[in-house]
């Protein structure tokens, strides 16, 4: 009887694994096609099987997609725009995460008059569509002299991201016992000392969640990039769109695929490296109501 149950369990487990593998294949098939296509020459793409491996792999398409040769204000290739995105993402992620951490800490453990209203206003900011703030933000950047600059894009992403980072940190810090704060106050610790010595050591999961969230949102952003950037300050998403929609001399699908993979590599790398910490951070309470 027990062997019969074990057999049924093994069959059920095998069936589940087969279903999971099937859906994993369906999910990863586009990435496989993109990668193999980027290694083929244009003639093989036009005459060959979409799912077939490249007969004579070449990195020509990758070199052309990355090439940073510039003529005047126009650049062919993603290299300069890739570094524009790097210059936008890192300061925006760091600043919005630090501000969100302080905001969440204050709203969770240092109640003051109007704190609930302030939190509600910040929460409301999470649901404001991008399109609503385009004109007001453009006017603000123009007034500050930051229109069409990398610094202006950093400011835009910090302002829009603070609502989310505050929400994440506030909901995480609510779960930390208030007794720790009270005990620290009795020992003479102040606002910053408590944050530094108690909350920061406990915040690794939520910092990882917030950094991954912000990095992904900012790196993949297209709307803010196309509206607020100039010809030399565009992020990689805008450059990718321009490259894919340019067909001078015929459509080069291998170059388009290589460019798309280059644009996606940083976010893929972040999830591969820190994905397990992201899941831990979510289950630790980062997005609990």
Protein backbone atom coordinates (compact mmCIF):
# COMPACT_ATOMS: atom_id res chain seq x y z
CA UNK A 1 0.00 0.00 0.00
CA UNK A 2 2.79 2.41 0.95
CA UNK A 3 4.70 1.63 -2.26
CA UNK A 4 1.52 2.39 -4.24
CA UNK A 5 1.26 5.81 -2.56
CA UNK A 6 4.93 6.51 -3.25
CA UNK A 7 4.43 5.58 -6.91
CA UNK A 8 1.47 7.97 -7.17
CA UNK A 9 3.50 10.73 -5.51
CA UNK A 10 6.41 10.20 -7.90
CA UNK A 11 4.08 10.21 -10.93
CA UNK A 12 2.39 13.40 -9.71
CA UNK A 13 5.72 15.08 -9.05
CA UNK A 14 7.04 14.07 -12.50
CA UNK A 15 3.88 15.45 -14.13
CA UNK A 16 4.28 18.76 -12.28
CA UNK A 17 7.92 19.01 -13.35
CA UNK A 18 6.97 18.30 -16.97
CA UNK A 19 4.32 21.03 -16.90
CA UNK A 20 6.75 23.48 -15.33
CA UNK A 21 9.42 22.66 -17.91
CA UNK A 22 6.91 23.14 -20.71
CA UNK A 23 5.91 26.60 -19.48
CA UNK A 24 9.55 27.49 -18.86
CA UNK A 25 10.30 26.59 -22.48
CA UNK A 26 7.38 28.71 -23.71
CA UNK A 27 8.55 31.61 -21.55
CA UNK A 28 12.20 31.39 -22.61
CA UNK A 29 11.59 30.67 -26.29
CA UNK A 30 11.55 34.37 -27.32
CA UNK A 31 14.88 34.94 -25.56
CA UNK A 32 16.33 31.89 -27.34
CA UNK A 33 15.13 33.20 -30.71
CA UNK A 34 16.55 36.65 -30.00
CA UNK A 35 19.95 35.28 -29.01
CA UNK A 36 20.29 32.82 -31.90
CA UNK A 37 19.07 35.42 -34.41
CA UNK A 38 21.68 37.90 -33.14
CA UNK A 39 24.40 35.36 -34.02
CA UNK A 40 23.23 34.81 -37.61
CA UNK A 41 23.96 36.83 -40.72
CA UNK A 42 21.07 38.45 -42.54
CA UNK A 43 20.99 35.89 -45.38
CA UNK A 44 20.68 32.97 -42.97
CA UNK A 45 17.85 34.76 -41.14
CA UNK A 46 15.91 35.27 -44.36
CA UNK A 47 16.36 31.74 -45.64
CA UNK A 48 16.69 29.67 -42.46
CA UNK A 49 14.50 28.27 -39.70
CA UNK A 50 13.67 30.72 -36.90
CA UNK A 51 14.36 28.13 -34.19
CA UNK A 52 17.50 26.67 -35.78
CA UNK A 53 20.93 27.24 -34.29
CA UNK A 54 23.24 29.54 -36.32
CA UNK A 55 25.28 27.65 -38.93
CA UNK A 56 28.20 30.07 -38.73
CA UNK A 57 27.90 32.12 -35.49
CA UNK A 58 29.16 35.67 -35.71
CA UNK A 59 29.22 38.63 -33.32
CA UNK A 60 29.05 41.17 -36.13
CA UNK A 61 25.52 42.21 -35.12
CA UNK A 62 26.58 42.72 -31.50
CA UNK A 63 29.52 44.91 -32.55
CA UNK A 64 27.31 46.98 -34.83
CA UNK A 65 24.59 47.35 -32.19
CA UNK A 66 27.14 48.50 -29.60
CA UNK A 67 29.28 50.68 -31.90
CA UNK A 68 29.59 54.20 -30.52
CA UNK A 69 30.71 55.99 -33.68
CA UNK A 70 29.20 59.48 -33.65
CA UNK A 71 28.74 62.09 -36.40
CA UNK A 72 27.83 65.46 -34.96
CA UNK A 73 25.01 64.95 -32.48
CA UNK A 74 23.91 61.61 -33.98
CA UNK A 75 25.38 58.34 -32.69
CA UNK A 76 25.13 54.96 -34.37
CA UNK A 77 24.96 52.24 -31.77
CA UNK A 78 23.90 51.93 -28.18
CA UNK A 79 27.17 52.54 -26.34
CA UNK A 80 26.78 56.26 -25.51
CA UNK A 81 23.13 55.80 -24.59
CA UNK A 82 23.94 52.79 -22.42
CA UNK A 83 26.26 54.98 -20.37
CA UNK A 84 23.60 57.70 -20.26
CA UNK A 85 21.27 55.17 -18.62
CA UNK A 86 24.00 54.21 -16.15
CA UNK A 87 24.48 57.88 -15.26
CA UNK A 88 20.72 58.21 -14.73
CA UNK A 89 20.02 54.97 -12.89
CA UNK A 90 22.68 54.89 -10.18
CA UNK A 91 22.17 58.34 -8.62
CA UNK A 92 18.38 58.10 -8.99
CA UNK A 93 18.26 54.69 -7.29
CA UNK A 94 20.59 55.72 -4.46
CA UNK A 95 18.85 59.03 -3.72
CA UNK A 96 15.27 57.71 -3.93
CA UNK A 97 16.16 54.69 -1.76
CA UNK A 98 17.81 56.81 0.95
CA UNK A 99 14.98 59.36 0.98
CA UNK A 100 12.39 56.56 1.04
CA UNK A 101 14.18 54.88 3.95
CA UNK A 102 14.11 58.05 6.04
CA UNK A 103 10.51 58.79 5.08
CA UNK A 104 9.36 55.27 5.89
CA UNK A 105 11.22 55.27 9.20
CA UNK A 106 9.71 58.61 10.25
CA UNK A 107 6.18 57.69 9.19
CA UNK A 108 6.32 54.27 10.85
CA UNK A 109 7.96 55.06 14.20
CA UNK A 110 7.91 58.84 14.71
CA UNK A 111 4.27 59.78 14.51
CA UNK A 112 3.50 63.50 14.22
CA UNK A 113 0.48 65.62 13.46
CA UNK A 114 -0.54 65.06 9.86
CA UNK A 115 1.70 62.01 9.37
CA UNK A 116 -1.21 59.80 8.27
CA UNK A 117 -2.38 62.44 5.79
CA UNK A 118 1.18 62.77 4.46
CA UNK A 119 1.47 59.02 4.03
CA UNK A 120 -1.89 58.94 2.24
CA UNK A 121 -0.71 61.68 -0.10
CA UNK A 122 2.49 59.77 -0.87
CA UNK A 123 0.46 56.60 -1.39
CA UNK A 124 -1.77 58.49 -3.80
CA UNK A 125 1.38 59.45 -5.71
CA UNK A 126 2.00 55.77 -6.50
CA UNK A 127 -1.17 55.67 -8.59
CA UNK A 128 -0.70 58.86 -10.60
CA UNK A 129 -0.16 57.90 -14.27
CA UNK A 130 3.06 59.05 -15.91
CA UNK A 131 1.15 61.09 -18.47
CA UNK A 132 -0.45 63.33 -15.84
CA UNK A 133 2.84 64.81 -14.68
CA UNK A 134 4.50 65.31 -18.07
CA UNK A 135 3.63 68.99 -18.53
CA UNK A 136 4.11 70.11 -14.89
CA UNK A 137 7.45 68.30 -14.72
CA UNK A 138 8.57 69.79 -18.04
CA UNK A 139 7.79 73.28 -16.71
CA UNK A 140 9.70 72.54 -13.49
CA UNK A 141 12.77 71.28 -15.37
CA UNK A 142 12.66 74.31 -17.63
CA UNK A 143 12.50 76.64 -14.64
CA UNK A 144 15.48 74.90 -13.05
CA UNK A 145 17.48 74.91 -16.29
CA UNK A 146 17.57 71.09 -16.34
CA UNK A 147 15.59 70.42 -19.52
CA UNK A 148 17.18 67.84 -21.86
CA UNK A 149 19.87 66.93 -19.30
CA UNK A 150 20.85 63.76 -17.49
CA UNK A 151 20.51 65.60 -14.17
CA UNK A 152 16.93 66.50 -15.07
CA UNK A 153 16.10 62.85 -15.76
CA UNK A 154 17.65 61.87 -12.43
CA UNK A 155 15.45 64.43 -10.67
CA UNK A 156 12.32 63.17 -12.46
CA UNK A 157 12.94 59.56 -11.43
CA UNK A 158 13.77 60.54 -7.84
CA UNK A 159 10.55 62.54 -7.50
CA UNK A 160 8.38 59.85 -9.05
CA UNK A 161 10.13 57.01 -7.21
CA UNK A 162 10.06 58.45 -3.68
CA UNK A 163 6.36 57.57 -3.29
CA UNK A 164 7.10 53.90 -3.96
CA UNK A 165 10.25 53.70 -1.86
CA UNK A 166 8.49 55.39 1.07
CA UNK A 167 5.63 52.90 0.82
CA UNK A 168 8.02 49.94 0.82
CA UNK A 169 10.08 51.13 3.78
CA UNK A 170 7.14 52.34 5.84
CA UNK A 171 5.31 49.01 5.54
CA UNK A 172 8.49 47.12 6.37
CA UNK A 173 9.35 49.26 9.41
CA UNK A 174 5.83 48.95 10.82
CA UNK A 175 6.67 45.31 11.52
CA UNK A 176 9.71 46.18 13.66
CA UNK A 177 8.72 46.28 17.38
CA UNK A 178 8.17 49.80 18.69
CA UNK A 179 9.62 48.65 22.03
CA UNK A 180 13.08 48.76 20.43
CA UNK A 181 12.62 52.43 19.65
CA UNK A 182 11.30 53.19 23.13
CA UNK A 183 14.20 51.37 24.78
CA UNK A 184 16.70 53.25 22.61
CA UNK A 185 15.07 56.56 23.52
CA UNK A 186 15.42 55.72 27.22
CA UNK A 187 19.14 55.16 26.60
CA UNK A 188 19.37 58.63 25.12
CA UNK A 189 19.45 57.71 21.42
CA UNK A 190 17.96 60.19 18.99
CA UNK A 191 16.30 60.00 15.57
CA UNK A 192 19.44 59.34 13.52
CA UNK A 193 21.16 57.12 16.11
CA UNK A 194 18.15 54.80 16.31
CA UNK A 195 17.92 54.63 12.54
CA UNK A 196 21.61 53.90 12.16
CA UNK A 197 22.08 51.33 14.93
CA UNK A 198 18.70 49.56 14.95
CA UNK A 199 16.90 49.97 11.66
CA UNK A 200 19.74 49.91 9.14
CA UNK A 201 21.05 46.48 10.32
CA UNK A 202 17.51 45.07 9.98
CA UNK A 203 16.83 46.62 6.58
CA UNK A 204 18.88 44.51 4.17
CA UNK A 205 15.84 42.71 2.64
CA UNK A 206 13.87 45.89 2.02
CA UNK A 207 16.90 47.72 0.65
CA UNK A 208 17.37 44.91 -1.88
CA UNK A 209 13.69 44.98 -2.85
CA UNK A 210 13.69 48.74 -3.28
CA UNK A 211 16.95 48.87 -5.23
CA UNK A 212 15.81 46.14 -7.64
CA UNK A 213 12.40 47.79 -8.06
CA UNK A 214 13.85 51.23 -8.74
CA UNK A 215 16.65 49.93 -10.96
CA UNK A 216 14.19 48.00 -13.12
CA UNK A 217 11.68 50.85 -13.35
CA UNK A 218 14.26 53.49 -14.23
CA UNK A 219 16.36 51.40 -16.63
CA UNK A 220 13.28 50.26 -18.57
CA UNK A 221 11.62 53.67 -18.63
CA UNK A 222 10.83 55.01 -22.08
CA UNK A 223 8.24 57.78 -21.60
CA UNK A 224 10.30 60.07 -19.34
CA UNK A 225 13.38 59.38 -21.44
CA UNK A 226 11.78 60.36 -24.74
CA UNK A 227 10.04 63.45 -23.30
CA UNK A 228 12.76 64.96 -21.10
CA UNK A 229 15.99 64.03 -22.87
CA UNK A 230 17.91 65.72 -25.68
CA UNK A 231 19.78 64.20 -28.63
CA UNK A 232 22.89 63.51 -26.55
CA UNK A 233 21.23 62.59 -23.24
CA UNK A 234 18.76 59.92 -24.33
CA UNK A 235 18.64 56.69 -22.28
CA UNK A 236 19.15 53.32 -23.89
CA UNK A 237 15.42 52.56 -24.27
CA UNK A 238 14.95 55.60 -26.51
CA UNK A 239 18.07 54.74 -28.52
CA UNK A 240 16.84 51.15 -28.92
CA UNK A 241 13.52 52.40 -30.26
CA UNK A 242 15.30 54.67 -32.72
CA UNK A 243 17.63 51.90 -33.84
CA UNK A 244 14.87 49.33 -34.36
CA UNK A 245 12.72 51.79 -36.31
CA UNK A 246 15.58 52.83 -38.60
CA UNK A 247 15.88 50.67 -41.69
CA UNK A 248 18.47 52.46 -43.82
CA UNK A 249 19.82 49.90 -46.30
CA UNK A 250 17.29 47.25 -45.29
CA UNK A 251 16.06 45.78 -42.02
CA UNK A 252 18.81 44.07 -40.00
CA UNK A 253 16.98 41.75 -37.62
CA UNK A 254 20.20 40.37 -36.16
CA UNK A 255 21.33 43.87 -35.12
CA UNK A 256 17.89 44.63 -33.67
CA UNK A 257 17.95 41.43 -31.60
CA UNK A 258 21.47 42.06 -30.35
CA UNK A 259 20.55 45.63 -29.40
CA UNK A 260 17.46 44.44 -27.50
CA UNK A 261 19.52 41.92 -25.53
CA UNK A 262 22.17 44.54 -24.72
CA UNK A 263 19.44 46.87 -23.42
CA UNK A 264 17.95 44.10 -21.27
CA UNK A 265 21.20 42.63 -19.89
CA UNK A 266 21.55 44.89 -16.81
CA UNK A 267 18.07 44.12 -15.49
CA UNK A 268 18.51 40.42 -16.26
CA UNK A 269 21.83 40.44 -14.40
CA UNK A 270 20.27 42.18 -11.39
CA UNK A 271 17.52 39.58 -11.12
CA UNK A 272 19.89 36.65 -11.61
CA UNK A 273 22.30 37.93 -8.96
CA UNK A 274 19.82 39.28 -6.41
CA UNK A 275 16.58 37.50 -7.31
CA UNK A 276 16.51 35.29 -4.23
CA UNK A 277 17.05 38.31 -1.98
CA UNK A 278 14.19 40.06 -3.77
CA UNK A 279 11.82 37.20 -2.94
CA UNK A 280 13.03 37.16 0.67
CA UNK A 281 12.42 40.87 0.94
CA UNK A 282 8.89 40.55 -0.39
CA UNK A 283 8.04 37.76 2.03
CA UNK A 284 9.59 39.76 4.88
CA UNK A 285 6.83 42.33 4.52
CA UNK A 286 7.98 44.81 1.91
CA UNK A 287 4.60 45.06 0.22
CA UNK A 288 2.22 44.20 3.01
CA UNK A 289 -0.68 46.63 3.37
